[in-house]
Structure formats: structure tokens, C-alpha cells
Amino acid sequence: MSLGPVEMLCIKFPSHSIKDEIAAALKALVENQTIRIIDILFIRKSASGEVTMTEIDDMEDVDHSLLDPVIADISGLIAEVDVQAIAQSLDNNSFAALMLFENIWATAFRDAVLKAEGQLLLSERVPNSAIEEAIAAQATP
């Protein structure tokens, strides 16, 4: 199996739970075949600074249909060092979700590029703040 572009995304939340609208948005992305979720981890840092990590498949109250069973056996893509770095950046008494996903929309495009013997020269995510600055600069007379 060949995976397309894979990204890691970490989101910090103000509480220890994820709102239903986030789960619904993720489910829509999966059902529309925009992304394929490889793994989701939840990292909690207690008020005393103790860190616990929970895999999504260890949770009973989560919709496991979000995870693709074809890639469920892939392991080791989220390294312990990544989890520890994120945990260190969290404030005490906080919670974060770490998601690894494949951009399925880009996989078909990648395959077409490869078939045409094209080569990827650059793939870079432009920070939203840079986009907002450029739009604001254009709007200023």
C-alpha cells in the first residue's frame, strides 16, 4: 500500500473533551474521502504536570469508524519524542488531540503527476497569518 501526503496536526483544547461538532466535521472529511485518519492520540497534562496519553482505539465513547481499518496496523508514525515535545509545550491541566492523516485528495493528483513523469519540487504549508497579512496589505489603500 502506498500512502499519499501525510500530515500531523495537534490541537489544544480548553477542556478535557472534544465537542460533537469537531467529531462531525472529521467524520464528513473522512466520508467525503478528503482525508484518511491514520491515528489519533489524546494527550492530557494534569494540574500537577503528569502526562497521560490515550490512543483513540482505547476509548469506548469514540466513533471508531473514523479510522481506516486498512491502515490500522501501521504503527510508529507518531513517535514518542513527538508526543513528549507536545506534552512539554502544554500547560498544566490541559488537553490536546494529535492526529495523523493522509490527504486523500492529493493522492490522486500525485498519481497523475507521477504517471506524467512529473516531479514534486516544493510542498509547503503557508501559515494562515501570512495569508491574512497579505490580504490586509492589499486592502490597505
C-alpha atoms as a PDB file:
ATOM      1  CA  MET A   1       0.000   0.000   0.000  1.00  0.00           C
ATOM      2  CA  SER A   2       1.248   3.471  -0.869  1.00  0.00           C
ATOM      3  CA  LEU A   3       0.128   6.391   1.242  1.00  0.00           C
ATOM      4  CA  GLY A   4      -0.254   9.867  -0.188  1.00  0.00           C
ATOM      5  CA  PRO A   5       0.802  13.034   1.618  1.00  0.00           C
ATOM      6  CA  VAL A   6       0.594  12.511   5.367  1.00  0.00           C
ATOM      7  CA  GLU A   7       0.288  15.327   7.898  1.00  0.00           C
ATOM      8  CA  MET A   8       0.390  15.578  11.662  1.00  0.00           C
ATOM      9  CA  LEU A   9      -1.944  18.054  13.330  1.00  0.00           C
ATOM     10  CA  CYS A  10      -2.139  18.885  17.026  1.00  0.00           C
ATOM     11  CA  ILE A  11      -4.931  20.940  18.547  1.00  0.00           C
ATOM     12  CA  LYS A  12      -5.088  22.136  22.144  1.00  0.00           C
ATOM     13  CA  PHE A  13      -8.494  22.340  23.796  1.00  0.00           C
ATOM     14  CA  PRO A  14      -9.628  24.372  26.790  1.00  0.00           C
ATOM     15  CA  SER A  15     -11.427  21.410  28.319  1.00  0.00           C
ATOM     16  CA  HIS A  16     -10.870  17.679  28.581  1.00  0.00           C
ATOM     17  CA  SER A  17     -13.416  16.782  25.934  1.00  0.00           C
ATOM     18  CA  ILE A  18     -13.943  17.352  22.240  1.00  0.00           C
ATOM     19  CA  LYS A  19     -17.154  18.982  21.097  1.00  0.00           C
ATOM     20  CA  ASP A  20     -19.548  16.999  18.902  1.00  0.00           C
ATOM     21  CA  GLU A  21     -19.168  19.452  16.001  1.00  0.00           C
ATOM     22  CA  ILE A  22     -15.459  18.582  15.734  1.00  0.00           C
ATOM     23  CA  ALA A  23     -16.222  14.879  15.522  1.00  0.00           C
ATOM     24  CA  ALA A  24     -18.922  15.605  12.926  1.00  0.00           C
ATOM     25  CA  ALA A  25     -16.511  17.703  10.830  1.00  0.00           C
ATOM     26  CA  LEU A  26     -13.891  14.939  10.953  1.00  0.00           C
ATOM     27  CA  LYS A  27     -16.473  12.333  10.002  1.00  0.00           C
ATOM     28  CA  ALA A  28     -17.526  14.457   6.984  1.00  0.00           C
ATOM     29  CA  LEU A  29     -13.891  14.780   5.838  1.00  0.00           C
ATOM     30  CA  VAL A  30     -13.482  11.004   6.064  1.00  0.00           C
ATOM     31  CA  GLU A  31     -16.803  10.222   4.352  1.00  0.00           C
ATOM     32  CA  ASN A  32     -16.070  12.710   1.534  1.00  0.00           C
ATOM     33  CA  GLN A  33     -12.688  10.997   1.075  1.00  0.00           C
ATOM     34  CA  THR A  34     -10.822  14.242   1.683  1.00  0.00           C
ATOM     35  CA  ILE A  35      -8.659  12.656   4.389  1.00  0.00           C
ATOM     36  CA  ARG A  36      -7.965   9.218   5.786  1.00  0.00           C
ATOM     37  CA  ILE A  37      -7.198   9.187   9.501  1.00  0.00           C
ATOM     38  CA  ILE A  38      -4.205   7.067  10.359  1.00  0.00           C
ATOM     39  CA  ASP A  39      -4.088   7.670  14.095  1.00  0.00           C
ATOM     40  CA  ILE A  40      -5.398   9.954  16.818  1.00  0.00           C
ATOM     41  CA  LEU A  41      -3.842  10.322  20.242  1.00  0.00           C
ATOM     42  CA  PHE A  42      -5.148  12.310  23.180  1.00  0.00           C
ATOM     43  CA  ILE A  43      -2.600  13.901  25.492  1.00  0.00           C
ATOM     44  CA  ARG A  44      -3.639  15.140  28.908  1.00  0.00           C
ATOM     45  CA  LYS A  45      -1.500  17.069  31.338  1.00  0.00           C
ATOM     46  CA  SER A  46      -2.817  17.102  34.889  1.00  0.00           C
ATOM     47  CA  ALA A  47      -2.780  20.054  37.263  1.00  0.00           C
ATOM     48  CA  SER A  48       0.393  18.576  38.795  1.00  0.00           C
ATOM     49  CA  GLY A  49       2.046  18.182  35.369  1.00  0.00           C
ATOM     50  CA  GLU A  50       1.573  14.422  34.980  1.00  0.00           C
ATOM     51  CA  VAL A  51       1.163  13.433  31.317  1.00  0.00           C
ATOM     52  CA  THR A  52      -1.104  10.648  30.097  1.00  0.00           C
ATOM     53  CA  MET A  53      -1.618   9.545  26.530  1.00  0.00           C
ATOM     54  CA  THR A  54      -4.629   7.644  25.223  1.00  0.00           C
ATOM     55  CA  GLU A  55      -4.960   6.053  21.777  1.00  0.00           C
ATOM     56  CA  ILE A  56      -8.340   6.533  20.107  1.00  0.00           C
ATOM     57  CA  ASP A  57      -8.870   2.788  19.864  1.00  0.00           C
ATOM     58  CA  ASP A  58      -8.510   2.547  23.665  1.00  0.00           C
ATOM     59  CA  MET A  59     -11.502   4.841  24.144  1.00  0.00           C
ATOM     60  CA  GLU A  60     -15.019   3.437  24.389  1.00  0.00           C
ATOM     61  CA  ASP A  61     -17.024   6.628  23.783  1.00  0.00           C
ATOM     62  CA  VAL A  62     -15.474   7.465  20.389  1.00  0.00           C
ATOM     63  CA  ASP A  63     -16.710   6.702  16.874  1.00  0.00           C
ATOM     64  CA  HIS A  64     -14.052   4.249  15.704  1.00  0.00           C
ATOM     65  CA  SER A  65     -15.433   4.264  12.146  1.00  0.00           C
ATOM     66  CA  LEU A  66     -13.308   7.388  11.580  1.00  0.00           C
ATOM     67  CA  LEU A  67     -10.213   5.198  11.496  1.00  0.00           C
ATOM     68  CA  ASP A  68      -9.482   3.317   8.300  1.00  0.00           C
ATOM     69  CA  PRO A  69      -9.131  -0.407   9.127  1.00  0.00           C
ATOM     70  CA  VAL A  70      -6.825  -0.851   6.103  1.00  0.00           C
ATOM     71  CA  ILE A  71      -4.149   1.270   7.752  1.00  0.00           C
ATOM     72  CA  ALA A  72      -4.953   0.498  11.369  1.00  0.00           C
ATOM     73  CA  ASP A  73      -1.925  -1.795  11.629  1.00  0.00           C
ATOM     74  CA  ILE A  74       0.542   0.937  10.667  1.00  0.00           C
ATOM     75  CA  SER A  75       2.411   1.882  13.793  1.00  0.00           C
ATOM     76  CA  GLY A  76       5.330   4.009  14.791  1.00  0.00           C
ATOM     77  CA  LEU A  77       4.438   7.002  12.642  1.00  0.00           C
ATOM     78  CA  ILE A  78       3.755   9.134  15.695  1.00  0.00           C
ATOM     79  CA  ALA A  79       6.990   8.915  17.619  1.00  0.00           C
ATOM     80  CA  GLU A  80       7.222   9.060  21.395  1.00  0.00           C
ATOM     81  CA  VAL A  81       9.532  12.057  21.010  1.00  0.00           C
ATOM     82  CA  ASP A  82       6.724  13.931  19.192  1.00  0.00           C
ATOM     83  CA  VAL A  83       4.264  13.154  21.972  1.00  0.00           C
ATOM     84  CA  GLN A  84       6.746  14.229  24.654  1.00  0.00           C
ATOM     85  CA  ALA A  85       7.534  17.500  22.847  1.00  0.00           C
ATOM     86  CA  ILE A  86       3.835  18.316  22.632  1.00  0.00           C
ATOM     87  CA  ALA A  87       3.275  17.325  26.254  1.00  0.00           C
ATOM     88  CA  GLN A  88       6.087  19.636  27.373  1.00  0.00           C
ATOM     89  CA  SER A  89       4.522  22.533  25.492  1.00  0.00           C
ATOM     90  CA  LEU A  90       1.148  22.039  27.178  1.00  0.00           C
ATOM     91  CA  ASP A  91       0.175  23.998  30.246  1.00  0.00           C
ATOM     92  CA  ASN A  92      -0.751  22.032  33.347  1.00  0.00           C
ATOM     93  CA  ASN A  93      -4.398  20.991  33.399  1.00  0.00           C
ATOM     94  CA  SER A  94      -4.746  20.949  29.606  1.00  0.00           C
ATOM     95  CA  PHE A  95      -5.664  18.571  26.828  1.00  0.00           C
ATOM     96  CA  ALA A  96      -4.579  18.115  23.198  1.00  0.00           C
ATOM     97  CA  ALA A  97      -5.526  15.863  20.307  1.00  0.00           C
ATOM     98  CA  LEU A  98      -2.781  14.716  17.951  1.00  0.00           C
ATOM     99  CA  MET A  99      -3.937  13.410  14.591  1.00  0.00           C
ATOM    100  CA  LEU A 100      -2.000  11.792  11.771  1.00  0.00           C
ATOM    101  CA  PHE A 101      -3.871  11.760   8.482  1.00  0.00           C
ATOM    102  CA  GLU A 102      -3.429  11.164   4.775  1.00  0.00           C
ATOM    103  CA  ASN A 103      -4.606  13.789   2.306  1.00  0.00           C
ATOM    104  CA  ILE A 104      -6.572  11.503   0.005  1.00  0.00           C
ATOM    105  CA  TRP A 105      -7.485  14.407  -2.278  1.00  0.00           C
ATOM    106  CA  ALA A 106      -3.773  14.825  -3.027  1.00  0.00           C
ATOM    107  CA  THR A 107      -3.099  11.134  -3.623  1.00  0.00           C
ATOM    108  CA  ALA A 108      -4.994  11.021  -6.947  1.00  0.00           C
ATOM    109  CA  PHE A 109      -3.217  14.196  -8.054  1.00  0.00           C
ATOM    110  CA  ARG A 110       0.151  12.717  -7.040  1.00  0.00           C
ATOM    111  CA  ASP A 111      -0.584   9.584  -9.046  1.00  0.00           C
ATOM    112  CA  ALA A 112      -1.435  11.681 -12.119  1.00  0.00           C
ATOM    113  CA  VAL A 113       1.791  13.683 -11.732  1.00  0.00           C
ATOM    114  CA  LEU A 114       3.854  10.505 -11.423  1.00  0.00           C
ATOM    115  CA  LYS A 115       2.152   8.968 -14.451  1.00  0.00           C
ATOM    116  CA  ALA A 116       3.095  12.088 -16.440  1.00  0.00           C
ATOM    117  CA  GLU A 117       6.678  11.701 -15.127  1.00  0.00           C
ATOM    118  CA  GLY A 118       6.412  14.933 -13.141  1.00  0.00           C
ATOM    119  CA  GLN A 119       8.481  15.577 -10.026  1.00  0.00           C
ATOM    120  CA  LEU A 120       7.488  17.433  -6.896  1.00  0.00           C
ATOM    121  CA  LEU A 121       9.764  20.432  -6.402  1.00  0.00           C
ATOM    122  CA  LEU A 122       8.062  22.129  -3.463  1.00  0.00           C
ATOM    123  CA  SER A 123       5.350  21.322  -0.985  1.00  0.00           C
ATOM    124  CA  GLU A 124       4.998  23.824   1.806  1.00  0.00           C
ATOM    125  CA  ARG A 125       2.153  24.905   4.016  1.00  0.00           C
ATOM    126  CA  VAL A 126       1.797  28.676   4.124  1.00  0.00           C
ATOM    127  CA  PRO A 127       0.834  29.878   7.619  1.00  0.00           C
ATOM    128  CA  ASN A 128      -2.618  31.419   7.828  1.00  0.00           C
ATOM    129  CA  SER A 129      -1.110  34.514   9.449  1.00  0.00           C
ATOM    130  CA  ALA A 130       0.976  35.134   6.304  1.00  0.00           C
ATOM    131  CA  ILE A 131      -2.133  34.889   4.119  1.00  0.00           C
ATOM    132  CA  GLU A 132      -4.054  37.257   6.404  1.00  0.00           C
ATOM    133  CA  GLU A 133      -1.160  39.774   6.317  1.00  0.00           C
ATOM    134  CA  ALA A 134      -1.027  39.674   2.515  1.00  0.00           C
ATOM    135  CA  ILE A 135      -4.804  40.203   2.214  1.00  0.00           C
ATOM    136  CA  ALA A 136      -4.697  43.058   4.730  1.00  0.00           C
ATOM    137  CA  ALA A 137      -1.812  44.678   2.852  1.00  0.00           C
ATOM    138  CA  GLN A 138      -3.781  44.539  -0.403  1.00  0.00           C
ATOM    139  CA  ALA A 139      -6.858  46.015   1.242  1.00  0.00           C
ATOM    140  CA  THR A 140      -4.950  48.983   2.637  1.00  0.00           C
ATOM    141  CA  PRO A 141      -5.083  51.961   0.222  1.00  0.00           C
END
